[in-house]
Amino acid sequence: MPVRARFIRTDALGKGDLRLQSTLCRLGRAPDNDISFENDSVSGHHAEIYYLPDGSFQICDLNSTNGTWVNGKRVQSQVLGNGDIVELGEVRLHFRVGL
């Protein structure tokens, strides 16, 4: 079953939709991430998104330098809801469930 979630990047024009492609998606600056950001405020391996058996999504910070923020609050681990705003350093993302 395909994972039906995406991020809409709002801090940079033209970066568009970033679709989650699997049940585990790693985010960061390094090119080996599933979604990679060319921004020095993002750690090499910054966070992971897990698609949970109940159909929800959880973000987990990977001890990043600038932290992972959900709706303005720094989190270590957080279940994401549709419309949540996720920040990885200076990168700002709106989480959307469904395509």
PDB file of N, CA and C in Angstrom:
ATOM      1  N   MET A   1       0.844  -1.186   0.000  1.00  0.00           N
ATOM      2  CA  MET A   1       0.000   0.000   0.000  1.00  0.00           C
ATOM      3  C   MET A   1       0.886   1.245   0.000  1.00  0.00           C
ATOM      4  N   PRO A   2       0.629   2.182  -0.897  1.00  0.00           N
ATOM      5  CA  PRO A   2       1.485   3.377  -0.952  1.00  0.00           C
ATOM      6  C   PRO A   2       1.280   4.290   0.257  1.00  0.00           C
ATOM      7  N   VAL A   3       2.341   4.959   0.631  1.00  0.00           N
ATOM      8  CA  VAL A   3       2.282   5.946   1.695  1.00  0.00           C
ATOM      9  C   VAL A   3       1.718   7.225   1.084  1.00  0.00           C
ATOM     10  N   ARG A   4       0.667   7.754   1.679  1.00  0.00           N
ATOM     11  CA  ARG A   4       0.011   8.926   1.111  1.00  0.00           C
ATOM     12  C   ARG A   4       0.211  10.133   2.019  1.00  0.00           C
ATOM     13  N   ALA A   5       1.388  10.690   1.935  1.00  0.00           N
ATOM     14  CA  ALA A   5       1.698  11.900   2.701  1.00  0.00           C
ATOM     15  C   ALA A   5       2.791  12.663   1.972  1.00  0.00           C
ATOM     16  N   ARG A   6       2.852  13.955   2.264  1.00  0.00           N
ATOM     17  CA  ARG A   6       3.854  14.792   1.617  1.00  0.00           C
ATOM     18  C   ARG A   6       4.133  16.007   2.480  1.00  0.00           C
ATOM     19  N   PHE A   7       5.228  16.640   2.170  1.00  0.00           N
ATOM     20  CA  PHE A   7       5.558  17.942   2.736  1.00  0.00           C
ATOM     21  C   PHE A   7       5.461  18.966   1.625  1.00  0.00           C
ATOM     22  N   ILE A   8       4.970  20.142   1.953  1.00  0.00           N
ATOM     23  CA  ILE A   8       5.013  21.274   1.043  1.00  0.00           C
ATOM     24  C   ILE A   8       6.029  22.244   1.626  1.00  0.00           C
ATOM     25  N   ARG A   9       7.101  22.472   0.898  1.00  0.00           N
ATOM     26  CA  ARG A   9       8.164  23.347   1.399  1.00  0.00           C
ATOM     27  C   ARG A   9       7.771  24.801   1.155  1.00  0.00           C
ATOM     28  N   THR A  10       7.786  25.602   2.212  1.00  0.00           N
ATOM     29  CA  THR A  10       7.321  26.981   2.105  1.00  0.00           C
ATOM     30  C   THR A  10       8.409  28.016   2.371  1.00  0.00           C
ATOM     31  N   ASP A  11       9.630  27.581   2.685  1.00  0.00           N
ATOM     32  CA  ASP A  11      10.701  28.553   2.957  1.00  0.00           C
ATOM     33  C   ASP A  11      11.472  28.931   1.698  1.00  0.00           C
ATOM     34  N   ALA A  12      11.283  28.196   0.612  1.00  0.00           N
ATOM     35  CA  ALA A  12      12.025  28.469  -0.623  1.00  0.00           C
ATOM     36  C   ALA A  12      11.104  28.258  -1.820  1.00  0.00           C
ATOM     37  N   LEU A  13      11.051  29.226  -2.702  1.00  0.00           N
ATOM     38  CA  LEU A  13      10.199  29.122  -3.880  1.00  0.00           C
ATOM     39  C   LEU A  13      10.675  28.022  -4.816  1.00  0.00           C
ATOM     40  N   GLY A  14       9.728  27.338  -5.416  1.00  0.00           N
ATOM     41  CA  GLY A  14      10.052  26.336  -6.423  1.00  0.00           C
ATOM     42  C   GLY A  14      10.478  24.992  -5.879  1.00  0.00           C
ATOM     43  N   LYS A  15      10.435  24.787  -4.582  1.00  0.00           N
ATOM     44  CA  LYS A  15      10.848  23.498  -4.011  1.00  0.00           C
ATOM     45  C   LYS A  15       9.691  22.513  -3.956  1.00  0.00           C
ATOM     46  N   GLY A  16       8.442  23.016  -3.927  1.00  0.00           N
ATOM     47  CA  GLY A  16       7.242  22.217  -4.148  1.00  0.00           C
ATOM     48  C   GLY A  16       6.973  21.079  -3.200  1.00  0.00           C
ATOM     49  N   ASP A  17       6.288  20.071  -3.739  1.00  0.00           N
ATOM     50  CA  ASP A  17       5.858  18.906  -2.973  1.00  0.00           C
ATOM     51  C   ASP A  17       7.002  17.910  -2.798  1.00  0.00           C
ATOM     52  N   LEU A  18       7.132  17.418  -1.589  1.00  0.00           N
ATOM     53  CA  LEU A  18       8.113  16.387  -1.265  1.00  0.00           C
ATOM     54  C   LEU A  18       7.334  15.187  -0.739  1.00  0.00           C
ATOM     55  N   ARG A  19       7.139  14.207  -1.583  1.00  0.00           N
ATOM     56  CA  ARG A  19       6.307  13.052  -1.223  1.00  0.00           C
ATOM     57  C   ARG A  19       7.104  12.019  -0.441  1.00  0.00           C
ATOM     58  N   LEU A  20       6.452  11.452   0.577  1.00  0.00           N
ATOM     59  CA  LEU A  20       7.063  10.361   1.326  1.00  0.00           C
ATOM     60  C   LEU A  20       6.902   9.095   0.495  1.00  0.00           C
ATOM     61  N   GLN A  21       8.006   8.406   0.242  1.00  0.00           N
ATOM     62  CA  GLN A  21       7.998   7.276  -0.685  1.00  0.00           C
ATOM     63  C   GLN A  21       7.934   5.912  -0.012  1.00  0.00           C
ATOM     64  N   SER A  22       8.161   5.866   1.311  1.00  0.00           N
ATOM     65  CA  SER A  22       8.186   4.564   1.980  1.00  0.00           C
ATOM     66  C   SER A  22       7.772   4.729   3.438  1.00  0.00           C
ATOM     67  N   THR A  23       7.721   3.617   4.160  1.00  0.00           N
ATOM     68  CA  THR A  23       7.280   3.642   5.562  1.00  0.00           C
ATOM     69  C   THR A  23       8.329   4.235   6.493  1.00  0.00           C
ATOM     70  N   LEU A  24       9.552   4.417   6.007  1.00  0.00           N
ATOM     71  CA  LEU A  24      10.608   5.108   6.749  1.00  0.00           C
ATOM     72  C   LEU A  24      11.257   6.097   5.792  1.00  0.00           C
ATOM     73  N   CYS A  25      11.256   7.355   6.176  1.00  0.00           N
ATOM     74  CA  CYS A  25      11.804   8.401   5.328  1.00  0.00           C
ATOM     75  C   CYS A  25      12.773   9.242   6.148  1.00  0.00           C
ATOM     76  N   ARG A  26      14.031   9.283   5.717  1.00  0.00           N
ATOM     77  CA  ARG A  26      15.044  10.070   6.425  1.00  0.00           C
ATOM     78  C   ARG A  26      15.201  11.430   5.757  1.00  0.00           C
ATOM     79  N   LEU A  27      15.262  12.474   6.589  1.00  0.00           N
ATOM     80  CA  LEU A  27      15.407  13.851   6.125  1.00  0.00           C
ATOM     81  C   LEU A  27      16.734  14.415   6.605  1.00  0.00           C
ATOM     82  N   GLY A  28      17.421  15.176   5.760  1.00  0.00           N
ATOM     83  CA  GLY A  28      18.670  15.801   6.176  1.00  0.00           C
ATOM     84  C   GLY A  28      19.393  16.451   5.013  1.00  0.00           C
ATOM     85  N   ARG A  29      20.588  16.936   5.300  1.00  0.00           N
ATOM     86  CA  ARG A  29      21.403  17.614   4.293  1.00  0.00           C
ATOM     87  C   ARG A  29      22.211  16.637   3.436  1.00  0.00           C
ATOM     88  N   ALA A  30      22.586  15.506   3.976  1.00  0.00           N
ATOM     89  CA  ALA A  30      23.427  14.544   3.246  1.00  0.00           C
ATOM     90  C   ALA A  30      22.662  13.964   2.047  1.00  0.00           C
ATOM     91  N   PRO A  31      23.363  13.699   0.951  1.00  0.00           N
ATOM     92  CA  PRO A  31      22.697  13.218  -0.262  1.00  0.00           C
ATOM     93  C   PRO A  31      22.091  11.824  -0.139  1.00  0.00           C
ATOM     94  N   ASP A  32      22.475  11.041   0.884  1.00  0.00           N
ATOM     95  CA  ASP A  32      21.914   9.693   1.025  1.00  0.00           C
ATOM     96  C   ASP A  32      20.570   9.670   1.744  1.00  0.00           C
ATOM     97  N   ASN A  33      20.017  10.826   2.112  1.00  0.00           N
ATOM     98  CA  ASN A  33      18.694  10.883   2.719  1.00  0.00           C
ATOM     99  C   ASN A  33      17.616  10.654   1.664  1.00  0.00           C
ATOM    100  N   ASP A  34      16.435  10.237   2.116  1.00  0.00           N
ATOM    101  CA  ASP A  34      15.302  10.089   1.195  1.00  0.00           C
ATOM    102  C   ASP A  34      14.861  11.449   0.674  1.00  0.00           C
ATOM    103  N   ILE A  35      14.860  12.454   1.552  1.00  0.00           N
ATOM    104  CA  ILE A  35      14.602  13.834   1.161  1.00  0.00           C
ATOM    105  C   ILE A  35      15.775  14.663   1.669  1.00  0.00           C
ATOM    106  N   SER A  36      16.485  15.287   0.732  1.00  0.00           N
ATOM    107  CA  SER A  36      17.708  16.021   1.065  1.00  0.00           C
ATOM    108  C   SER A  36      17.498  17.516   0.853  1.00  0.00           C
ATOM    109  N   PHE A  37      18.053  18.314   1.784  1.00  0.00           N
ATOM    110  CA  PHE A  37      17.950  19.767   1.731  1.00  0.00           C
ATOM    111  C   PHE A  37      19.339  20.376   1.639  1.00  0.00           C
ATOM    112  N   GLU A  38      19.542  21.269   0.698  1.00  0.00           N
ATOM    113  CA  GLU A  38      20.809  21.987   0.580  1.00  0.00           C
ATOM    114  C   GLU A  38      20.727  23.247   1.430  1.00  0.00           C
ATOM    115  N   ASN A  39      20.884  23.072   2.730  1.00  0.00           N
ATOM    116  CA  ASN A  39      20.787  24.179   3.674  1.00  0.00           C
ATOM    117  C   ASN A  39      21.669  23.845   4.873  1.00  0.00           C
ATOM    118  N   ASP A  40      22.606  24.727   5.184  1.00  0.00           N
ATOM    119  CA  ASP A  40      23.565  24.456   6.255  1.00  0.00           C
ATOM    120  C   ASP A  40      22.947  24.376   7.643  1.00  0.00           C
ATOM    121  N   SER A  41      21.704  24.847   7.812  1.00  0.00           N
ATOM    122  CA  SER A  41      21.049  24.767   9.121  1.00  0.00           C
ATOM    123  C   SER A  41      20.446  23.388   9.385  1.00  0.00           C
ATOM    124  N   VAL A  42      20.436  22.530   8.364  1.00  0.00           N
ATOM    125  CA  VAL A  42      19.911  21.175   8.479  1.00  0.00           C
ATOM    126  C   VAL A  42      21.083  20.220   8.695  1.00  0.00           C
ATOM    127  N   SER A  43      20.964  19.346   9.692  1.00  0.00           N
ATOM    128  CA  SER A  43      22.026  18.370   9.966  1.00  0.00           C
ATOM    129  C   SER A  43      22.100  17.340   8.842  1.00  0.00           C
ATOM    130  N   GLY A  44      23.240  16.667   8.752  1.00  0.00           N
ATOM    131  CA  GLY A  44      23.442  15.650   7.727  1.00  0.00           C
ATOM    132  C   GLY A  44      22.329  14.614   7.716  1.00  0.00           C
ATOM    133  N   HIS A  45      22.029  14.064   8.867  1.00  0.00           N
ATOM    134  CA  HIS A  45      20.886  13.164   9.078  1.00  0.00           C
ATOM    135  C   HIS A  45      20.073  13.792  10.205  1.00  0.00           C
ATOM    136  N   HIS A  46      19.049  14.525   9.854  1.00  0.00           N
ATOM    137  CA  HIS A  46      18.350  15.405  10.787  1.00  0.00           C
ATOM    138  C   HIS A  46      17.186  14.721  11.501  1.00  0.00           C
ATOM    139  N   ALA A  47      16.322  14.041  10.749  1.00  0.00           N
ATOM    140  CA  ALA A  47      15.119  13.446  11.336  1.00  0.00           C
ATOM    141  C   ALA A  47      14.643  12.282  10.477  1.00  0.00           C
ATOM    142  N   GLU A  48      13.776  11.465  11.073  1.00  0.00           N
ATOM    143  CA  GLU A  48      13.135  10.377  10.342  1.00  0.00           C
ATOM    144  C   GLU A  48      11.626  10.462  10.540  1.00  0.00           C
ATOM    145  N   ILE A  49      10.898  10.078   9.495  1.00  0.00           N
ATOM    146  CA  ILE A  49       9.436   9.994   9.554  1.00  0.00           C
ATOM    147  C   ILE A  49       9.071   8.518   9.429  1.00  0.00           C
ATOM    148  N   TYR A  50       8.286   8.041  10.374  1.00  0.00           N
ATOM    149  CA  TYR A  50       7.820   6.660  10.356  1.00  0.00           C
ATOM    150  C   TYR A  50       6.333   6.627  10.041  1.00  0.00           C
ATOM    151  N   TYR A  51       5.941   5.739   9.138  1.00  0.00           N
ATOM    152  CA  TYR A  51       4.532   5.464   8.884  1.00  0.00           C
ATOM    153  C   TYR A  51       4.148   4.323   9.808  1.00  0.00           C
ATOM    154  N   LEU A  52       3.277   4.586  10.766  1.00  0.00           N
ATOM    155  CA  LEU A  52       2.933   3.623  11.805  1.00  0.00           C
ATOM    156  C   LEU A  52       1.784   2.715  11.375  1.00  0.00           C
ATOM    157  N   PRO A  53       1.671   1.517  11.983  1.00  0.00           N
ATOM    158  CA  PRO A  53       0.626   0.563  11.595  1.00  0.00           C
ATOM    159  C   PRO A  53      -0.800   1.119  11.683  1.00  0.00           C
ATOM    160  N   ASP A  54      -1.033   2.073  12.564  1.00  0.00           N
ATOM    161  CA  ASP A  54      -2.385   2.638  12.686  1.00  0.00           C
ATOM    162  C   ASP A  54      -2.676   3.707  11.626  1.00  0.00           C
ATOM    163  N   GLY A  55      -1.722   3.935  10.714  1.00  0.00           N
ATOM    164  CA  GLY A  55      -1.921   4.897   9.641  1.00  0.00           C
ATOM    165  C   GLY A  55      -1.435   6.300   9.954  1.00  0.00           C
ATOM    166  N   SER A  56      -0.887   6.509  11.148  1.00  0.00           N
ATOM    167  CA  SER A  56      -0.369   7.832  11.505  1.00  0.00           C
ATOM    168  C   SER A  56       1.117   7.928  11.144  1.00  0.00           C
ATOM    169  N   PHE A  57       1.654   9.137  11.257  1.00  0.00           N
ATOM    170  CA  PHE A  57       3.052   9.409  10.937  1.00  0.00           C
ATOM    171  C   PHE A  57       3.723  10.017  12.151  1.00  0.00           C
ATOM    172  N   GLN A  58       4.944   9.574  12.423  1.00  0.00           N
ATOM    173  CA  GLN A  58       5.700  10.073  13.566  1.00  0.00           C
ATOM    174  C   GLN A  58       7.047  10.591  13.082  1.00  0.00           C
ATOM    175  N   ILE A  59       7.417  11.791  13.539  1.00  0.00           N
ATOM    176  CA  ILE A  59       8.734  12.333  13.228  1.00  0.00           C
ATOM    177  C   ILE A  59       9.620  12.168  14.453  1.00  0.00           C
ATOM    178  N   CYS A  60      10.874  11.782  14.228  1.00  0.00           N
ATOM    179  CA  CYS A  60      11.842  11.616  15.308  1.00  0.00           C
ATOM    180  C   CYS A  60      13.119  12.368  14.947  1.00  0.00           C
ATOM    181  N   ASP A  61      13.557  13.221  15.849  1.00  0.00           N
ATOM    182  CA  ASP A  61      14.802  13.956  15.659  1.00  0.00           C
ATOM    183  C   ASP A  61      15.977  13.008  15.846  1.00  0.00           C
ATOM    184  N   LEU A  62      17.022  13.167  15.052  1.00  0.00           N
ATOM    185  CA  LEU A  62      18.208  12.304  15.125  1.00  0.00           C
ATOM    186  C   LEU A  62      19.373  13.057  15.780  1.00  0.00           C
ATOM    187  N   ASN A  63      19.086  13.685  16.924  1.00  0.00           N
ATOM    188  CA  ASN A  63      20.100  14.469  17.656  1.00  0.00           C
ATOM    189  C   ASN A  63      20.700  15.555  16.767  1.00  0.00           C
ATOM    190  N   SER A  64      19.846  16.217  16.024  1.00  0.00           N
ATOM    191  CA  SER A  64      20.286  17.274  15.125  1.00  0.00           C
ATOM    192  C   SER A  64      20.782  18.484  15.908  1.00  0.00           C
ATOM    193  N   THR A  65      21.608  19.289  15.265  1.00  0.00           N
ATOM    194  CA  THR A  65      22.170  20.479  15.897  1.00  0.00           C
ATOM    195  C   THR A  65      21.104  21.523  16.199  1.00  0.00           C
ATOM    196  N   ASN A  66      20.255  21.827  15.222  1.00  0.00           N
ATOM    197  CA  ASN A  66      19.259  22.892  15.380  1.00  0.00           C
ATOM    198  C   ASN A  66      17.872  22.404  15.764  1.00  0.00           C
ATOM    199  N   GLY A  67      17.716  21.112  15.936  1.00  0.00           N
ATOM    200  CA  GLY A  67      16.459  20.570  16.416  1.00  0.00           C
ATOM    201  C   GLY A  67      15.394  20.405  15.350  1.00  0.00           C
ATOM    202  N   THR A  68      14.374  19.667  15.750  1.00  0.00           N
ATOM    203  CA  THR A  68      13.180  19.458  14.937  1.00  0.00           C
ATOM    204  C   THR A  68      12.027  20.115  15.681  1.00  0.00           C
ATOM    205  N   TRP A  69      11.277  20.936  14.975  1.00  0.00           N
ATOM    206  CA  TRP A  69      10.206  21.723  15.569  1.00  0.00           C
ATOM    207  C   TRP A  69       8.886  21.386  14.897  1.00  0.00           C
ATOM    208  N   VAL A  70       7.848  21.198  15.694  1.00  0.00           N
ATOM    209  CA  VAL A  70       6.501  20.963  15.169  1.00  0.00           C
ATOM    210  C   VAL A  70       5.587  22.025  15.769  1.00  0.00           C
ATOM    211  N   ASN A  71       5.001  22.826  14.901  1.00  0.00           N
ATOM    212  CA  ASN A  71       4.100  23.905  15.325  1.00  0.00           C
ATOM    213  C   ASN A  71       4.739  24.813  16.377  1.00  0.00           C
ATOM    214  N   GLY A  72       6.025  25.126  16.164  1.00  0.00           N
ATOM    215  CA  GLY A  72       6.732  26.064  17.024  1.00  0.00           C
ATOM    216  C   GLY A  72       7.298  25.486  18.305  1.00  0.00           C
ATOM    217  N   LYS A  73       7.178  24.167  18.505  1.00  0.00           N
ATOM    218  CA  LYS A  73       7.680  23.522  19.721  1.00  0.00           C
ATOM    219  C   LYS A  73       8.765  22.509  19.344  1.00  0.00           C
ATOM    220  N   ARG A  74       9.908  22.600  20.038  1.00  0.00           N
ATOM    221  CA  ARG A  74      10.981  21.641  19.772  1.00  0.00           C
ATOM    222  C   ARG A  74      10.570  20.266  20.284  1.00  0.00           C
ATOM    223  N   VAL A  75      10.752  19.246  19.441  1.00  0.00           N
ATOM    224  CA  VAL A  75      10.327  17.890  19.793  1.00  0.00           C
ATOM    225  C   VAL A  75      11.466  16.902  19.561  1.00  0.00           C
ATOM    226  N   GLN A  76      11.448  15.844  20.315  1.00  0.00           N
ATOM    227  CA  GLN A  76      12.332  14.706  20.076  1.00  0.00           C
ATOM    228  C   GLN A  76      11.600  13.672  19.225  1.00  0.00           C
ATOM    229  N   SER A  77      10.306  13.520  19.515  1.00  0.00           N
ATOM    230  CA  SER A  77       9.452  12.592  18.794  1.00  0.00           C
ATOM    231  C   SER A  77       8.019  13.116  18.878  1.00  0.00           C
ATOM    232  N   GLN A  78       7.299  13.064  17.755  1.00  0.00           N
ATOM    233  CA  GLN A  78       5.950  13.646  17.733  1.00  0.00           C
ATOM    234  C   GLN A  78       5.136  12.995  16.625  1.00  0.00           C
ATOM    235  N   VAL A  79       3.899  12.613  16.926  1.00  0.00           N
ATOM    236  CA  VAL A  79       2.978  12.163  15.885  1.00  0.00           C
ATOM    237  C   VAL A  79       2.515  13.405  15.137  1.00  0.00           C
ATOM    238  N   LEU A  80       2.553  13.332  13.811  1.00  0.00           N
ATOM    239  CA  LEU A  80       2.186  14.478  12.978  1.00  0.00           C
ATOM    240  C   LEU A  80       0.719  14.417  12.577  1.00  0.00           C
ATOM    241  N   GLY A  81       0.106  15.574  12.547  1.00  0.00           N
ATOM    242  CA  GLY A  81      -1.262  15.695  12.075  1.00  0.00           C
ATOM    243  C   GLY A  81      -1.295  16.465  10.773  1.00  0.00           C
ATOM    244  N   ASN A  82      -2.355  16.281  10.015  1.00  0.00           N
ATOM    245  CA  ASN A  82      -2.511  16.992   8.754  1.00  0.00           C
ATOM    246  C   ASN A  82      -2.462  18.497   9.009  1.00  0.00           C
ATOM    247  N   GLY A  83      -1.592  19.191   8.277  1.00  0.00           N
ATOM    248  CA  GLY A  83      -1.461  20.636   8.427  1.00  0.00           C
ATOM    249  C   GLY A  83      -0.394  21.086   9.403  1.00  0.00           C
ATOM    250  N   ASP A  84       0.242  20.159  10.108  1.00  0.00           N
ATOM    251  CA  ASP A  84       1.315  20.556  11.033  1.00  0.00           C
ATOM    252  C   ASP A  84       2.444  21.245  10.275  1.00  0.00           C
ATOM    253  N   ILE A  85       3.088  22.187  10.944  1.00  0.00           N
ATOM    254  CA  ILE A  85       4.244  22.883  10.385  1.00  0.00           C
ATOM    255  C   ILE A  85       5.493  22.301  11.033  1.00  0.00           C
ATOM    256  N   VAL A  86       6.377  21.764  10.210  1.00  0.00           N
ATOM    257  CA  VAL A  86       7.615  21.143  10.670  1.00  0.00           C
ATOM    258  C   VAL A  86       8.771  22.025  10.232  1.00  0.00           C
ATOM    259  N   GLU A  87       9.693  22.297  11.163  1.00  0.00           N
ATOM    260  CA  GLU A  87      10.879  23.073  10.836  1.00  0.00           C
ATOM    261  C   GLU A  87      12.119  22.268  11.192  1.00  0.00           C
ATOM    262  N   LEU A  88      13.016  22.178  10.218  1.00  0.00           N
ATOM    263  CA  LEU A  88      14.328  21.554  10.377  1.00  0.00           C
ATOM    264  C   LEU A  88      15.330  22.670  10.128  1.00  0.00           C
ATOM    265  N   GLY A  89      15.866  23.260  11.184  1.00  0.00           N
ATOM    266  CA  GLY A  89      16.695  24.440  11.002  1.00  0.00           C
ATOM    267  C   GLY A  89      15.868  25.531  10.345  1.00  0.00           C
ATOM    268  N   GLU A  90      16.359  26.072   9.234  1.00  0.00           N
ATOM    269  CA  GLU A  90      15.659  27.137   8.510  1.00  0.00           C
ATOM    270  C   GLU A  90      14.632  26.603   7.508  1.00  0.00           C
ATOM    271  N   VAL A  91      14.583  25.297   7.313  1.00  0.00           N
ATOM    272  CA  VAL A  91      13.669  24.699   6.339  1.00  0.00           C
ATOM    273  C   VAL A  91      12.287  24.549   6.979  1.00  0.00           C
ATOM    274  N   ARG A  92      11.276  25.092   6.304  1.00  0.00           N
ATOM    275  CA  ARG A  92       9.908  25.085   6.820  1.00  0.00           C
ATOM    276  C   ARG A  92       9.038  24.240   5.893  1.00  0.00           C
ATOM    277  N   LEU A  93       8.328  23.275   6.488  1.00  0.00           N
ATOM    278  CA  LEU A  93       7.536  22.324   5.741  1.00  0.00           C
ATOM    279  C   LEU A  93       6.124  22.217   6.313  1.00  0.00           C
ATOM    280  N   HIS A  94       5.131  22.147   5.445  1.00  0.00           N
ATOM    281  CA  HIS A  94       3.757  21.877   5.881  1.00  0.00           C
ATOM    282  C   HIS A  94       3.455  20.421   5.567  1.00  0.00           C
ATOM    283  N   PHE A  95       3.023  19.674   6.584  1.00  0.00           N
ATOM    284  CA  PHE A  95       2.738  18.250   6.436  1.00  0.00           C
ATOM    285  C   PHE A  95       1.307  18.066   5.953  1.00  0.00           C
ATOM    286  N   ARG A  96       1.133  17.233   4.935  1.00  0.00           N
ATOM    287  CA  ARG A  96      -0.185  16.957   4.390  1.00  0.00           C
ATOM    288  C   ARG A  96      -0.370  15.449   4.251  1.00  0.00           C
ATOM    289  N   VAL A  97      -1.509  14.964   4.707  1.00  0.00           N
ATOM    290  CA  VAL A  97      -1.877  13.545   4.541  1.00  0.00           C
ATOM    291  C   VAL A  97      -2.837  13.466   3.369  1.00  0.00           C
ATOM    292  N   GLY A  98      -2.655  12.461   2.529  1.00  0.00           N
ATOM    293  CA  GLY A  98      -3.475  12.322   1.323  1.00  0.00           C
ATOM    294  C   GLY A  98      -2.781  13.019   0.162  1.00  0.00           C
ATOM    295  N   LEU A  99      -3.145  12.607  -1.052  1.00  0.00           N
ATOM    296  CA  LEU A  99      -2.451  13.177  -2.217  1.00  0.00           C
ATOM    297  C   LEU A  99      -3.387  13.966  -3.087  1.00  0.00           C
TER     298      LEU A  99
END
